């Protein structure tokens, strides 16, 4: 099973790993990774895998990352090049040491938007009793679905101002792991949403925003985040729409 290094440290951009398996369709399994696999509304990381062998450099774009029984790094083998700029497809094999490099601008954008989504979700639950039912993040925008009949323009202005006040307070963001039975006994299940996780998950990763003794938000999450709301800039709500019966969709973006 691949060691998910991004769960502990979201800020690593380059790392070394060992190839465990490579499939003919270009999927590679590593013993450890900082590439985030698509999930929880957060897109997969992209970047490159590089091998230095006998004085030659081989590099492949990482086009996608998916987590199934383990983490699969989907390489664009036809776009892989060596130092002579020719296509290669037979350098990787089990036991090979590779260097992974993330597309950092893309990753960092996802980190900012994921933290902003948590902050917005927490505020909507507290102020409007509107739990989040879904979300989707991009590198330049995001959307959030919640259980609420309809937001008016005045509501959106109030929400935007309140969330920006929280952002500008520079609240700390932290994450840690809990044994599931301990988390279920000690944490607010309505806010952490542990009940939505499969029973097979016994270690729960919690992400908190705010004071450690009384956090503004505390939720189960395996995504990547910035370390302070001050890193988010300014949130701008760009619109709303009905997402179904009793469901609202709020669209937003982050300004520097």
Protein backbone atom coordinates (compact mmCIF):
# COMPACT_ATOMS: atom_id res chain seq x y z
CA UNK A 1 0.00 0.00 0.00
CA UNK A 2 1.36 3.39 -0.99
CA UNK A 3 2.38 5.64 1.92
CA UNK A 4 0.28 8.82 1.58
CA UNK A 5 2.84 11.44 2.51
CA UNK A 6 0.59 14.39 1.63
CA UNK A 7 -1.64 13.58 4.61
CA UNK A 8 1.10 14.71 6.98
CA UNK A 9 2.75 17.51 5.00
CA UNK A 10 0.89 19.32 2.22
CA UNK A 11 3.79 21.62 1.36
CA UNK A 12 6.29 19.17 -0.16
CA UNK A 13 6.84 19.82 -3.88
CA UNK A 14 9.49 17.23 -4.78
CA UNK A 15 10.10 13.75 -3.35
CA UNK A 16 11.85 10.46 -4.07
CA UNK A 17 10.07 7.11 -4.21
CA UNK A 18 10.51 3.53 -5.41
CA UNK A 19 8.45 1.95 -8.19
CA UNK A 20 6.46 -1.05 -6.94
CA UNK A 21 4.47 -1.81 -10.08
CA UNK A 22 3.98 -0.47 -13.59
CA UNK A 23 1.03 -1.42 -15.76
CA UNK A 24 0.99 -1.44 -19.54
CA UNK A 25 -1.57 1.36 -19.69
CA UNK A 26 0.87 3.75 -18.01
CA UNK A 27 -0.28 3.45 -14.41
CA UNK A 28 2.54 3.36 -11.87
CA UNK A 29 2.37 2.36 -8.22
CA UNK A 30 4.97 3.90 -5.91
CA UNK A 31 5.88 2.95 -2.35
CA UNK A 32 5.22 6.54 -1.24
CA UNK A 33 3.73 9.66 -2.78
CA UNK A 34 2.99 13.33 -2.32
CA UNK A 35 0.67 13.33 -5.37
CA UNK A 36 -2.92 13.80 -4.23
CA UNK A 37 -5.40 11.37 -5.86
CA UNK A 38 -8.73 12.77 -6.99
CA UNK A 39 -11.34 12.69 -4.24
CA UNK A 40 -13.53 14.70 -1.90
CA UNK A 41 -14.18 17.32 -4.57
CA UNK A 42 -10.44 18.00 -4.93
CA UNK A 43 -8.88 17.24 -8.34
CA UNK A 44 -5.84 15.02 -8.67
CA UNK A 45 -2.38 16.52 -8.66
CA UNK A 46 -0.36 16.57 -11.86
CA UNK A 47 3.39 16.92 -12.37
CA UNK A 48 6.25 14.68 -13.47
CA UNK A 49 8.15 11.53 -12.57
CA UNK A 50 11.86 11.58 -13.39
CA UNK A 51 14.54 8.90 -13.53
CA UNK A 52 18.27 9.56 -13.87
CA UNK A 53 19.96 6.48 -15.34
CA UNK A 54 23.47 6.05 -16.77
CA UNK A 55 23.89 9.76 -17.34
CA UNK A 56 20.53 10.14 -19.06
CA UNK A 57 17.42 11.84 -17.73
CA UNK A 58 14.00 10.29 -18.39
CA UNK A 59 10.82 12.15 -17.53
CA UNK A 60 7.10 11.44 -17.84
CA UNK A 61 4.14 13.75 -17.23
CA UNK A 62 1.81 12.58 -14.45
CA UNK A 63 -1.55 13.19 -16.11
CA UNK A 64 -3.82 11.83 -13.37
CA UNK A 65 -3.74 10.18 -9.95
CA UNK A 66 -6.45 7.80 -8.74
CA UNK A 67 -6.87 5.86 -5.49
CA UNK A 68 -8.47 2.42 -5.73
CA UNK A 69 -6.89 -0.51 -3.87
CA UNK A 70 -3.76 1.64 -3.87
CA UNK A 71 -2.65 4.88 -5.55
CA UNK A 72 -2.16 4.79 -9.32
CA UNK A 73 -0.08 7.49 -11.01
CA UNK A 74 -1.26 7.70 -14.62
CA UNK A 75 1.69 8.59 -16.85
CA UNK A 76 1.61 9.92 -20.38
CA UNK A 77 4.19 7.45 -21.69
CA UNK A 78 4.14 8.79 -25.25
CA UNK A 79 5.07 12.23 -23.98
CA UNK A 80 7.93 10.86 -21.88
CA UNK A 81 11.35 11.93 -23.07
CA UNK A 82 14.96 11.13 -22.40
CA UNK A 83 17.92 13.46 -22.76
CA UNK A 84 17.88 12.97 -26.55
CA UNK A 85 14.21 14.05 -26.64
CA UNK A 86 13.00 10.69 -27.94
CA UNK A 87 9.96 8.78 -26.68
CA UNK A 88 10.63 6.05 -24.14
CA UNK A 89 8.46 3.38 -22.55
CA UNK A 90 10.76 0.78 -21.03
CA UNK A 91 12.91 2.51 -18.41
CA UNK A 92 10.61 2.14 -15.43
CA UNK A 93 10.59 -1.18 -13.63
CA UNK A 94 9.97 -2.34 -10.05
CA UNK A 95 12.73 -1.16 -7.74
CA UNK A 96 13.55 1.94 -9.81
CA UNK A 97 14.05 5.12 -7.79
CA UNK A 98 12.08 8.03 -9.21
CA UNK A 99 11.74 11.70 -8.35
CA UNK A 100 8.23 13.09 -8.29
CA UNK A 101 7.64 16.79 -8.81
CA UNK A 102 4.22 18.34 -8.32
CA UNK A 103 2.74 21.08 -10.46
CA UNK A 104 2.91 23.33 -7.45
CA UNK A 105 0.77 26.21 -8.73
CA UNK A 106 -2.08 23.76 -9.36
CA UNK A 107 -1.67 21.99 -6.00
CA UNK A 108 -1.44 25.23 -4.01
CA UNK A 109 -4.56 26.57 -5.73
CA UNK A 110 -6.43 23.42 -4.70
CA UNK A 111 -5.15 23.78 -1.13
CA UNK A 112 -6.46 27.35 -0.94
CA UNK A 113 -9.83 26.47 -2.40
CA UNK A 114 -10.24 23.41 -0.17
CA UNK A 115 -9.60 25.45 2.97
CA UNK A 116 -11.93 28.19 1.73
CA UNK A 117 -14.65 25.59 1.12
CA UNK A 118 -14.29 24.32 4.69
CA UNK A 119 -14.59 27.85 6.04
CA UNK A 120 -17.64 28.63 3.91
CA UNK A 121 -19.27 25.30 4.82
CA UNK A 122 -18.75 25.94 8.52
CA UNK A 123 -20.24 29.42 8.30
CA UNK A 124 -23.29 28.24 6.33
CA UNK A 125 -23.94 25.53 8.91
CA UNK A 126 -23.58 27.90 11.84
CA UNK A 127 -25.48 30.90 10.45
CA UNK A 128 -28.06 29.24 8.18
CA UNK A 129 -28.24 25.65 9.46
CA UNK A 130 -27.28 24.67 5.90
CA UNK A 131 -25.07 21.54 5.86
CA UNK A 132 -22.84 21.03 2.85
CA UNK A 133 -23.98 18.20 0.58
CA UNK A 134 -21.29 18.42 -2.11
CA UNK A 135 -18.48 20.49 -3.53
CA UNK A 136 -16.12 20.73 -6.47
CA UNK A 137 -12.79 22.54 -6.51
CA UNK A 138 -10.80 23.87 -9.45
CA UNK A 139 -7.58 25.86 -9.71
CA UNK A 140 -9.44 29.14 -10.29
CA UNK A 141 -12.91 28.67 -8.77
CA UNK A 142 -15.09 26.36 -6.69
CA UNK A 143 -18.69 25.52 -5.97
CA UNK A 144 -20.48 24.28 -2.88
CA UNK A 145 -23.89 22.62 -2.60
CA UNK A 146 -25.84 22.85 0.64
CA UNK A 147 -29.23 21.97 2.04
CA UNK A 148 -31.05 25.31 1.93
CA UNK A 149 -34.17 26.54 0.17
CA UNK A 150 -32.83 29.72 -1.44
CA UNK A 151 -30.26 32.43 -0.71
CA UNK A 152 -31.22 36.00 -1.52
CA UNK A 153 -28.77 38.66 -2.71
CA UNK A 154 -28.61 40.13 0.80
CA UNK A 155 -27.76 36.68 2.17
CA UNK A 156 -24.90 36.28 -0.29
CA UNK A 157 -23.49 39.69 0.64
CA UNK A 158 -23.68 38.81 4.34
CA UNK A 159 -22.06 35.42 3.78
CA UNK A 160 -19.23 36.89 1.72
CA UNK A 161 -18.48 39.59 4.30
CA UNK A 162 -18.57 37.17 7.24
CA UNK A 163 -16.29 34.61 5.59
CA UNK A 164 -13.82 37.32 4.59
CA UNK A 165 -13.71 38.51 8.20
CA UNK A 166 -12.73 34.95 9.19
CA UNK A 167 -10.14 34.81 6.42
CA UNK A 168 -8.57 38.09 7.44
CA UNK A 169 -8.42 36.95 11.09
CA UNK A 170 -5.65 34.57 9.98
CA UNK A 171 -7.11 31.54 11.72
CA UNK A 172 -4.70 28.60 12.01
CA UNK A 173 -5.45 25.40 10.07
CA UNK A 174 -4.20 22.04 11.38
CA UNK A 175 -4.83 18.35 10.85
CA UNK A 176 -4.33 15.19 12.87
CA UNK A 177 -5.54 11.59 13.07
CA UNK A 178 -7.97 10.00 15.51
CA UNK A 179 -8.97 6.40 16.12
CA UNK A 180 -12.50 6.21 14.74
CA UNK A 181 -14.12 4.97 17.95
CA UNK A 182 -12.45 7.79 19.92
CA UNK A 183 -13.49 10.39 17.34
CA UNK A 184 -17.09 9.17 17.38
CA UNK A 185 -17.17 9.32 21.17
CA UNK A 186 -15.51 12.73 21.59
CA UNK A 187 -16.32 14.84 18.53
CA UNK A 188 -19.50 16.50 17.26
CA UNK A 189 -20.67 14.05 14.59
CA UNK A 190 -22.92 16.63 12.92
CA UNK A 191 -19.94 18.87 12.22
CA UNK A 192 -17.23 16.28 11.60
CA UNK A 193 -19.51 14.12 9.36
CA UNK A 194 -17.69 10.96 10.39
CA UNK A 195 -20.93 9.06 9.85
CA UNK A 196 -20.54 9.57 6.10
CA UNK A 197 -17.30 7.56 5.99
CA UNK A 198 -17.28 3.82 5.20
CA UNK A 199 -17.10 1.53 8.22
CA UNK A 200 -13.81 0.15 6.87
CA UNK A 201 -12.06 3.44 7.70
CA UNK A 202 -10.76 3.10 11.26
CA UNK A 203 -8.29 6.03 11.31
CA UNK A 204 -9.98 9.41 10.88
CA UNK A 205 -8.07 12.46 9.67
CA UNK A 206 -9.52 15.62 11.18
CA UNK A 207 -8.97 19.12 9.78
CA UNK A 208 -9.57 22.05 12.14
CA UNK A 209 -9.75 25.79 11.57
CA UNK A 210 -9.42 28.21 14.46
CA UNK A 211 -8.52 28.02 18.12
CA UNK A 212 -7.49 24.53 19.25
CA UNK A 213 -9.75 24.66 22.34
CA UNK A 214 -12.79 25.90 20.42
CA UNK A 215 -12.26 25.58 16.65
CA UNK A 216 -14.60 27.33 14.24
CA UNK A 217 -14.56 24.24 12.05
CA UNK A 218 -13.69 20.62 12.70
CA UNK A 219 -14.40 18.02 10.01
CA UNK A 220 -13.14 14.68 8.72
CA UNK A 221 -11.13 15.31 5.56
CA UNK A 222 -8.28 13.66 3.64
CA UNK A 223 -7.57 16.68 1.44
CA UNK A 224 -4.70 19.15 1.40
CA UNK A 225 -4.94 22.57 3.02
CA UNK A 226 -3.04 25.77 3.67
CA UNK A 227 -1.89 26.46 7.22
CA UNK A 228 -3.72 29.76 7.79
CA UNK A 229 -6.85 31.40 6.45
CA UNK A 230 -4.64 34.43 5.76
CA UNK A 231 -3.31 32.47 2.76
CA UNK A 232 -6.73 32.60 1.09
CA UNK A 233 -6.73 36.26 0.06
CA UNK A 234 -10.31 37.43 -0.42
CA UNK A 235 -13.35 35.29 -1.19
CA UNK A 236 -15.81 36.53 -3.79
CA UNK A 237 -19.19 34.84 -4.25
CA UNK A 238 -19.80 34.82 -8.00
CA UNK A 239 -23.33 33.45 -8.03
CA UNK A 240 -25.93 30.97 -6.83
CA UNK A 241 -28.38 28.59 -8.43
CA UNK A 242 -30.83 25.91 -7.45
CA UNK A 243 -29.14 22.50 -7.34
CA UNK A 244 -32.31 20.49 -6.68
CA UNK A 245 -35.23 20.46 -4.30
CA UNK A 246 -34.11 22.27 -1.16
CA UNK A 247 -30.54 22.51 -2.48
CA UNK A 248 -28.54 25.63 -3.20
CA UNK A 249 -25.30 25.86 -5.17
CA UNK A 250 -22.93 28.70 -4.26
CA UNK A 251 -20.09 29.54 -6.64
CA UNK A 252 -17.02 31.43 -5.46
CA UNK A 253 -13.46 32.37 -6.32
CA UNK A 254 -10.44 33.60 -4.41
CA UNK A 255 -8.77 36.90 -5.16
CA UNK A 256 -5.16 37.60 -4.23
